[in-house]
Amino acid sequence: MRLLKMYFDHLKMFEDGVFDLDFFTSDRVPASDSSATELERPIYTNNILAFAGINASGKSTALRLIDLAARVLNGRSISGTESLSALCTLFNGPSTLRCLVWEGGKYFLVKSTLLTPEFTPGGYDRELTFGEELIFSIPSSLLKKSHLASWDELLDVAQLVYQRSKPLLDLTIVSSFNLSIASPVISYECGGRPSLPVFSEEGFTLRQATEGTDRILKVFDARISHLEPQDSGRAFILQFENEEPLLLSAEGLAEVLSSGTMRGLSLVYRALSALTTGGYLLVDEIENHLNRQLVQVVLDLFVNKSTNPNGATIVFTTHYPQVLDHVHRKDNVYFLARGTNCLSTVVKYSTKVKRIENKKSEVFAANYIKGTAPRYVDVKALRGHVEQVVSHG
């Protein structure tokens, strides 16, 4: 399954309560461009999606919302754990989730109402639950690329196939307050269970390392000549150039390797999972512990058809806009800009900057899109405070 668009409303930290995101390419895709994957001409999806913004602008929240949308589409529970319960704090009322997906040559529009506890009839404590859900199909013959720009235009060509409160198909769905009907309905329509694999760095352990790990590690630490897992990943033989091999436990290996090397290893292993399945890799603050060249190594895995034959997508956040200069397209970069009211706005770079030769880092740093740099008045106040403390120190 491929995600083309998603939308949430009633979000506390976003302007007008809205988070609206495109995964499809709105700009032209040249034949030489391997950073996009063709679904059906002329519709492509981006293999890289980037979010840049200052602190507390909503970058991590954006990844959490993408993961929540994937849970809905995959038929996974949206309640039951502490982290899922914490999602309730993002909303200030019942939220409408909209997703446009492609599966097996067919397009589906999912419209789900997510109820926060105070609006849940059953009163489920601290849990998100489902209200009404509508599943639409859109025939390929009716869908034009221009329709993708507007949810209203998509609904104009969409055909309702299932409604949670009024079933329209000869399809038995086990109704549950925390499970969406999207996955079983799309499965019924396509004749097979769809999947939208999503991966993050959470949960990676050295025990998952396999043969060939040393080839990964050498990119991040050239001193390593060999690494070999032993006893199903419970121990490792590690050898540095011109040194005797060491037998280490997983914990010992983690202490010997640098934090940057460990971060690179976990990133590449999670990337391998996404690249193999054609899934989505969500990475928060991709530059942590890595220099810019090593970040580029990871990103390049997703823009090469030989390493990304299944159209996997990496979605990452960054504080450092210089990383964005390696992303050559304009329609796959979003700036999260914070306004004077402290609410964030999701700004698609290509809607504000038309020239491809503009350096994204310079646009970001110059505050050309207002709210992408700290406010001068706040910086001035900070300097004044430091001067006061230092002078009385």
Protein backbone atom coordinates (compact mmCIF):
# COMPACT_ATOMS: atom_id res chain seq x y z
CA MET A 1 0.00 0.00 0.00
CA ARG A 2 1.27 3.51 -0.81
CA LEU A 3 0.23 6.66 1.01
CA LEU A 4 -0.37 9.70 -1.21
CA LYS A 5 -1.96 12.22 1.18
CA MET A 6 -2.91 12.51 4.84
CA TYR A 7 -4.70 15.06 7.00
CA PHE A 8 -5.60 15.59 10.66
CA ASP A 9 -7.61 18.38 12.24
CA HIS A 10 -8.27 19.56 15.82
CA LEU A 11 -4.57 19.52 16.65
CA LYS A 12 -3.51 21.78 19.51
CA MET A 13 -0.14 22.93 18.23
CA PHE A 14 -0.95 23.65 14.56
CA GLU A 15 -2.49 26.72 12.95
CA ASP A 16 -6.25 26.17 12.43
CA GLY A 17 -5.69 22.78 14.08
CA VAL A 18 -4.66 21.26 10.72
CA PHE A 19 -1.79 19.02 9.66
CA ASP A 20 -1.95 18.36 5.89
CA LEU A 21 0.77 16.41 4.11
CA ASP A 22 1.48 15.20 0.56
CA PHE A 23 3.56 12.15 -0.30
CA PHE A 24 2.96 12.45 -4.04
CA THR A 25 5.13 14.53 -6.37
CA SER A 26 3.48 17.80 -7.33
CA ASP A 27 6.43 18.92 -9.48
CA ARG A 28 7.50 17.28 -12.75
CA VAL A 29 9.45 14.02 -12.51
CA PRO A 30 12.15 13.74 -15.21
CA ALA A 31 13.03 10.28 -16.49
CA SER A 32 16.44 10.59 -14.83
CA ASP A 33 14.95 11.26 -11.38
CA SER A 34 15.24 8.14 -9.22
CA SER A 35 14.10 9.92 -6.06
CA ALA A 36 10.44 9.29 -6.96
CA THR A 37 8.50 6.09 -7.61
CA GLU A 38 5.90 5.78 -10.35
CA LEU A 39 2.54 4.32 -9.32
CA GLU A 40 0.58 5.02 -12.47
CA ARG A 41 1.69 7.72 -14.85
CA PRO A 42 1.52 10.61 -14.13
CA ILE A 43 1.27 9.87 -10.38
CA TYR A 44 4.51 9.38 -8.44
CA THR A 45 5.41 9.27 -4.76
CA ASN A 46 8.52 10.82 -3.23
CA ASN A 47 11.16 8.49 -1.81
CA ILE A 48 12.35 11.21 0.57
CA LEU A 49 10.22 13.47 2.75
CA ALA A 50 11.93 16.02 5.00
CA PHE A 51 10.73 18.25 7.84
CA ALA A 52 12.86 21.17 9.02
CA GLY A 53 12.09 23.59 11.81
CA ILE A 54 13.30 25.20 14.98
CA ASN A 55 12.81 23.54 18.35
CA ALA A 56 9.23 22.82 19.44
CA SER A 57 7.83 23.52 15.96
CA GLY A 58 6.15 20.11 15.61
CA LYS A 59 8.70 17.98 13.77
CA SER A 60 8.50 15.00 16.13
CA THR A 61 4.73 15.39 16.27
CA ALA A 62 4.64 15.10 12.47
CA LEU A 63 6.31 11.68 12.68
CA ARG A 64 3.91 10.57 15.42
CA LEU A 65 0.94 11.55 13.25
CA ILE A 66 2.31 9.62 10.26
CA ASP A 67 2.77 6.57 12.48
CA LEU A 68 -0.78 6.96 13.81
CA ALA A 69 -2.19 7.14 10.26
CA ALA A 70 -0.25 3.98 9.37
CA ARG A 71 -1.73 2.22 12.42
CA VAL A 72 -5.21 3.07 11.22
CA LEU A 73 -4.54 1.86 7.68
CA ASN A 74 -2.84 -1.34 8.87
CA GLY A 75 -5.72 -2.28 11.16
CA ARG A 76 -3.59 -2.00 14.29
CA SER A 77 -4.95 -0.83 17.63
CA ILE A 78 -4.80 2.91 18.36
CA SER A 79 -4.99 2.31 22.12
CA GLY A 80 -3.59 0.03 24.77
CA THR A 81 -0.11 1.40 25.45
CA GLU A 82 1.21 4.40 27.31
CA SER A 83 2.66 5.96 24.15
CA LEU A 84 -0.66 5.60 22.32
CA SER A 85 -2.56 7.04 25.27
CA ALA A 86 -0.24 10.06 25.14
CA LEU A 87 -1.51 10.80 21.61
CA CYS A 88 -4.73 12.06 23.17
CA THR A 89 -2.82 15.14 24.34
CA LEU A 90 -2.25 16.20 20.72
CA PHE A 91 -5.94 16.87 20.07
CA ASN A 92 -8.47 19.35 21.44
CA GLY A 93 -11.56 17.57 20.10
CA PRO A 94 -12.72 14.82 17.75
CA SER A 95 -10.23 14.70 14.89
CA THR A 96 -10.93 13.80 11.29
CA LEU A 97 -8.20 11.71 9.70
CA ARG A 98 -8.15 11.59 5.90
CA CYS A 99 -5.82 9.33 3.95
CA LEU A 100 -5.55 8.77 0.21
CA VAL A 101 -3.88 5.44 -0.55
CA TRP A 102 -3.02 3.35 -3.60
CA GLU A 103 -3.23 -0.43 -3.44
CA GLY A 104 -2.99 -2.85 -6.33
CA GLY A 105 -3.86 -0.29 -8.99
CA LYS A 106 -6.84 1.08 -7.01
CA TYR A 107 -7.23 4.31 -5.05
CA PHE A 108 -9.03 4.57 -1.72
CA LEU A 109 -9.93 7.55 0.41
CA VAL A 110 -10.26 6.77 4.12
CA LYS A 111 -12.09 9.22 6.36
CA SER A 112 -12.01 8.30 10.05
CA THR A 113 -13.20 10.22 13.11
CA LEU A 114 -10.90 9.80 16.09
CA LEU A 115 -12.53 10.48 19.44
CA THR A 116 -10.56 11.72 22.43
CA PRO A 117 -11.71 10.46 25.86
CA GLU A 118 -14.01 13.38 26.70
CA PHE A 119 -15.91 12.81 23.46
CA THR A 120 -16.07 9.00 23.64
CA PRO A 121 -19.57 7.61 24.32
CA GLY A 122 -18.10 4.61 26.14
CA GLY A 123 -15.86 6.80 28.23
CA TYR A 124 -12.68 4.84 27.55
CA ASP A 125 -10.15 6.43 29.87
CA ARG A 126 -7.14 8.12 28.23
CA GLU A 127 -7.64 6.29 24.93
CA LEU A 128 -8.26 7.29 21.33
CA THR A 129 -11.25 5.49 19.83
CA PHE A 130 -13.05 5.45 16.48
CA GLY A 131 -16.27 7.24 15.71
CA GLU A 132 -17.71 7.23 12.19
CA GLU A 133 -15.61 5.92 9.31
CA LEU A 134 -16.18 6.21 5.58
CA ILE A 135 -14.21 4.30 2.95
CA PHE A 136 -14.35 5.55 -0.65
CA SER A 137 -12.91 4.14 -3.84
CA ILE A 138 -11.71 6.31 -6.72
CA PRO A 139 -11.51 4.70 -10.18
CA SER A 140 -8.17 5.27 -11.90
CA SER A 141 -10.06 6.41 -14.97
CA LEU A 142 -11.57 9.33 -13.04
CA LEU A 143 -8.53 10.39 -11.02
CA LYS A 144 -6.45 13.19 -12.48
CA LYS A 145 -3.26 14.49 -10.93
CA SER A 146 -4.93 17.86 -10.45
CA HIS A 147 -7.43 16.20 -8.10
CA LEU A 148 -4.63 15.39 -5.66
CA ALA A 149 -4.25 19.03 -4.68
CA SER A 150 -7.69 19.20 -3.03
CA TRP A 151 -9.57 16.89 -0.69
CA ASP A 152 -12.85 18.35 -2.00
CA GLU A 153 -11.94 17.48 -5.59
CA LEU A 154 -11.02 13.95 -4.54
CA LEU A 155 -14.39 13.52 -2.82
CA ASP A 156 -16.12 14.74 -5.99
CA VAL A 157 -14.84 11.68 -7.90
CA ALA A 158 -14.94 9.24 -4.97
CA GLN A 159 -17.56 6.51 -4.53
CA LEU A 160 -18.61 5.40 -1.04
CA VAL A 161 -18.05 1.66 -0.58
CA TYR A 162 -18.39 1.21 3.17
CA GLN A 163 -19.63 3.12 6.20
CA ARG A 164 -18.88 2.04 9.74
CA SER A 165 -22.37 2.83 11.04
CA LYS A 166 -24.25 1.59 7.94
CA PRO A 167 -22.48 -1.34 6.24
CA LEU A 168 -22.91 -1.33 2.46
CA LEU A 169 -21.04 -4.54 1.58
CA ASP A 170 -21.69 -8.19 2.25
CA LEU A 171 -18.72 -8.08 4.57
CA THR A 172 -18.57 -9.05 8.21
CA ILE A 173 -16.27 -6.78 10.19
CA VAL A 174 -15.61 -7.26 13.86
CA SER A 175 -16.36 -3.77 15.11
CA SER A 176 -13.98 -2.60 17.82
CA PHE A 177 -13.65 0.80 19.43
CA ASN A 178 -9.88 0.84 18.77
CA LEU A 179 -9.62 -0.80 15.32
CA SER A 180 -10.32 0.85 11.97
CA ILE A 181 -12.45 -0.78 9.26
CA ALA A 182 -10.03 0.52 6.57
CA SER A 183 -7.80 -2.55 6.31
CA PRO A 184 -10.56 -5.21 6.00
CA VAL A 185 -12.55 -3.08 3.52
CA ILE A 186 -9.52 -2.42 1.29
CA SER A 187 -8.60 -6.11 1.58
CA TYR A 188 -12.08 -7.06 0.41
CA GLU A 189 -11.93 -4.63 -2.51
CA CYS A 190 -8.43 -5.70 -3.62
CA GLY A 191 -8.61 -9.40 -2.91
CA GLY A 192 -5.63 -9.42 -0.57
CA ARG A 193 -4.57 -7.94 2.75
CA PRO A 194 -2.78 -4.61 2.19
CA SER A 195 0.18 -3.55 4.27
CA LEU A 196 1.86 -0.22 4.88
CA PRO A 197 5.11 -1.14 6.69
CA VAL A 198 6.46 1.58 8.96
CA PHE A 199 9.81 1.38 10.75
CA SER A 200 11.60 3.56 13.28
CA GLU A 201 14.91 3.33 15.11
CA GLU A 202 13.20 2.24 18.31
CA GLY A 203 13.85 -1.31 19.38
CA PHE A 204 17.04 -1.94 17.40
CA THR A 205 19.56 -4.11 19.26
CA LEU A 206 22.94 -5.47 18.29
CA ARG A 207 21.50 -8.97 18.45
CA GLN A 208 19.75 -8.18 15.17
CA ALA A 209 23.12 -7.75 13.47
CA THR A 210 23.93 -10.34 10.79
CA GLU A 211 26.82 -11.22 8.51
CA GLY A 212 27.89 -8.21 6.50
CA THR A 213 27.56 -5.85 9.46
CA ASP A 214 31.26 -5.01 9.17
CA ARG A 215 30.63 -3.58 5.69
CA ILE A 216 28.08 -1.23 7.23
CA LEU A 217 30.29 -0.27 10.15
CA LYS A 218 33.33 0.60 7.99
CA VAL A 219 31.39 3.49 6.47
CA PHE A 220 30.97 5.00 9.94
CA ASP A 221 34.33 3.86 11.40
CA ALA A 222 37.06 3.05 8.86
CA ARG A 223 39.25 1.47 11.58
CA ILE A 224 36.98 -1.59 11.75
CA SER A 225 38.28 -4.45 9.63
CA HIS A 226 35.94 -7.22 10.76
CA LEU A 227 32.83 -7.83 12.87
CA GLU A 228 31.30 -11.26 13.20
CA PRO A 229 28.21 -12.14 15.27
CA GLN A 230 28.55 -15.21 17.51
CA ASP A 231 25.97 -17.24 19.43
CA SER A 232 22.96 -15.69 17.63
CA GLY A 233 24.12 -12.16 18.32
CA ARG A 234 24.89 -12.67 22.00
CA ALA A 235 28.60 -12.10 21.37
CA PHE A 236 30.77 -10.55 18.68
CA ILE A 237 34.28 -10.84 17.32
CA LEU A 238 35.50 -7.29 16.61
CA GLN A 239 38.80 -6.48 14.96
CA PHE A 240 40.30 -3.08 14.27
CA GLU A 241 42.97 -2.55 11.60
CA ASN A 242 46.38 -3.90 12.75
CA GLU A 243 45.00 -5.07 16.10
CA GLU A 244 44.16 -8.42 17.62
CA PRO A 245 40.48 -9.50 17.44
CA LEU A 246 38.31 -8.98 20.53
CA LEU A 247 35.52 -11.24 21.78
CA LEU A 248 32.82 -8.94 23.19
CA SER A 249 29.29 -9.20 24.49
CA ALA A 250 26.63 -7.02 22.84
CA GLU A 251 26.93 -4.62 25.78
CA GLY A 252 30.72 -4.58 25.49
CA LEU A 253 30.56 -3.91 21.76
CA ALA A 254 28.22 -0.96 22.35
CA GLU A 255 30.79 0.51 24.74
CA VAL A 256 33.69 0.09 22.31
CA LEU A 257 31.93 1.60 19.28
CA SER A 258 31.25 5.33 19.13
CA SER A 259 27.73 6.72 19.46
CA GLY A 260 27.90 7.83 15.82
CA THR A 261 28.86 4.34 14.66
CA MET A 262 26.02 2.81 16.68
CA ARG A 263 23.56 5.35 15.28
CA GLY A 264 24.71 4.66 11.74
CA LEU A 265 24.35 0.92 12.27
CA SER A 266 20.80 1.18 13.59
CA LEU A 267 19.83 3.59 10.79
CA VAL A 268 21.13 1.31 8.04
CA TYR A 269 19.48 -1.78 9.52
CA ARG A 270 16.14 0.00 9.76
CA ALA A 271 16.67 1.33 6.23
CA LEU A 272 17.22 -2.24 5.04
CA SER A 273 13.84 -3.23 6.49
CA ALA A 274 12.10 -0.39 4.67
CA LEU A 275 13.99 -0.89 1.40
CA THR A 276 13.23 -4.62 1.36
CA THR A 277 9.49 -4.18 1.96
CA GLY A 278 8.90 -0.90 0.15
CA GLY A 279 7.91 0.59 3.50
CA TYR A 280 8.38 3.86 5.34
CA LEU A 281 11.31 4.71 7.63
CA LEU A 282 10.62 7.46 10.19
CA VAL A 283 13.77 9.12 11.54
CA ASP A 284 13.74 11.91 14.13
CA GLU A 285 16.69 14.32 14.02
CA ILE A 286 18.62 12.41 11.38
CA GLU A 287 21.77 14.46 12.00
CA ASN A 288 22.21 13.28 15.61
CA HIS A 289 25.71 11.79 16.07
CA LEU A 290 26.36 11.86 12.29
CA ASN A 291 28.14 14.37 10.10
CA ARG A 292 26.48 15.63 6.95
CA GLN A 293 28.33 13.28 4.60
CA LEU A 294 27.16 10.22 6.55
CA VAL A 295 23.57 11.48 6.51
CA GLN A 296 23.89 11.74 2.73
CA VAL A 297 25.05 8.11 2.58
CA VAL A 298 21.80 7.01 4.25
CA LEU A 299 19.59 9.27 2.12
CA ASP A 300 21.25 8.09 -1.08
CA LEU A 301 20.07 4.53 -0.38
CA PHE A 302 16.51 5.77 -1.06
CA VAL A 303 17.25 7.62 -4.32
CA ASN A 304 18.94 4.81 -6.17
CA LYS A 305 16.85 2.24 -8.01
CA SER A 306 19.38 -0.53 -7.33
CA THR A 307 19.11 -0.06 -3.54
CA ASN A 308 15.47 1.03 -3.55
CA PRO A 309 13.68 -1.07 -6.19
CA ASN A 310 10.44 -1.24 -4.17
CA GLY A 311 9.86 2.50 -3.76
CA ALA A 312 10.53 2.79 -0.02
CA THR A 313 10.28 6.24 1.58
CA ILE A 314 12.42 7.80 4.31
CA VAL A 315 10.70 10.53 6.32
CA PHE A 316 13.07 12.50 8.52
CA THR A 317 13.27 15.62 10.65
CA THR A 318 16.24 17.90 11.04
CA HIS A 319 17.32 21.01 12.93
CA TYR A 320 20.09 21.66 10.43
CA PRO A 321 18.84 22.88 7.05
CA GLN A 322 22.21 22.18 5.37
CA VAL A 323 21.05 18.55 5.24
CA LEU A 324 18.24 19.67 2.93
CA ASP A 325 20.67 20.90 0.27
CA HIS A 326 21.28 17.25 -0.59
CA VAL A 327 17.55 16.79 -1.33
CA HIS A 328 17.29 18.04 -4.88
CA ARG A 329 13.49 18.08 -5.27
CA LYS A 330 11.38 20.98 -3.93
CA ASP A 331 8.06 19.19 -3.39
CA ASN A 332 9.32 16.80 -0.71
CA VAL A 333 10.55 19.35 1.83
CA TYR A 334 8.37 20.91 4.52
CA PHE A 335 9.25 23.79 6.81
CA LEU A 336 7.45 23.84 10.15
CA ALA A 337 7.11 27.52 10.87
CA ARG A 338 6.02 28.86 14.25
CA GLY A 339 3.95 32.03 14.25
CA THR A 340 3.63 34.83 16.79
CA ASN A 341 0.75 32.89 18.38
CA CYS A 342 3.22 30.00 18.98
CA LEU A 343 1.18 27.73 16.70
CA SER A 344 2.98 25.90 13.88
CA THR A 345 2.19 25.91 10.19
CA VAL A 346 3.20 23.19 7.75
CA VAL A 347 4.69 24.97 4.73
CA LYS A 348 5.50 23.01 1.59
CA TYR A 349 8.76 24.40 0.24
CA SER A 350 7.73 24.22 -3.42
CA THR A 351 4.67 26.43 -2.80
CA LYS A 352 6.87 29.29 -1.59
CA VAL A 353 10.09 28.90 -3.57
CA LYS A 354 9.91 28.27 -7.30
CA ARG A 355 13.59 28.32 -8.30
CA ILE A 356 15.30 24.95 -8.00
CA GLU A 357 18.76 26.53 -7.63
CA ASN A 358 17.89 28.20 -4.31
CA LYS A 359 19.77 26.59 -1.44
CA LYS A 360 17.15 25.35 1.00
CA SER A 361 19.50 26.00 3.92
CA GLU A 362 19.79 29.68 2.97
CA VAL A 363 16.03 30.06 2.59
CA PHE A 364 15.58 28.48 6.01
CA ALA A 365 18.28 30.45 7.81
CA ALA A 366 17.18 33.77 6.26
CA ASN A 367 13.69 33.32 7.75
CA TYR A 368 12.29 33.87 4.23
CA ILE A 369 9.41 31.66 5.30
CA LYS A 370 8.53 33.43 8.53
CA GLY A 371 8.88 31.36 11.68
CA THR A 372 11.82 29.18 10.60
CA ALA A 373 14.30 31.07 12.77
CA PRO A 374 14.16 32.29 16.39
CA ARG A 375 12.45 35.65 16.78
CA TYR A 376 14.84 38.59 17.12
CA VAL A 377 13.03 39.86 20.20
CA ASP A 378 13.52 36.51 21.95
CA VAL A 379 17.20 36.32 21.00
CA LYS A 380 17.69 39.88 22.25
CA ALA A 381 16.01 39.05 25.55
CA LEU A 382 18.24 35.98 25.97
CA ARG A 383 21.38 38.05 25.40
CA GLY A 384 20.16 40.61 27.90
CA HIS A 385 19.58 37.91 30.50
CA VAL A 386 23.05 36.40 29.97
CA GLU A 387 24.68 39.84 30.20
CA GLN A 388 22.85 40.49 33.45
CA VAL A 389 23.82 37.14 35.01
CA VAL A 390 27.45 37.40 33.89
CA SER A 391 27.86 40.98 35.08
CA HIS A 392 26.61 40.03 38.56
CA GLY A 393 28.57 36.76 38.62
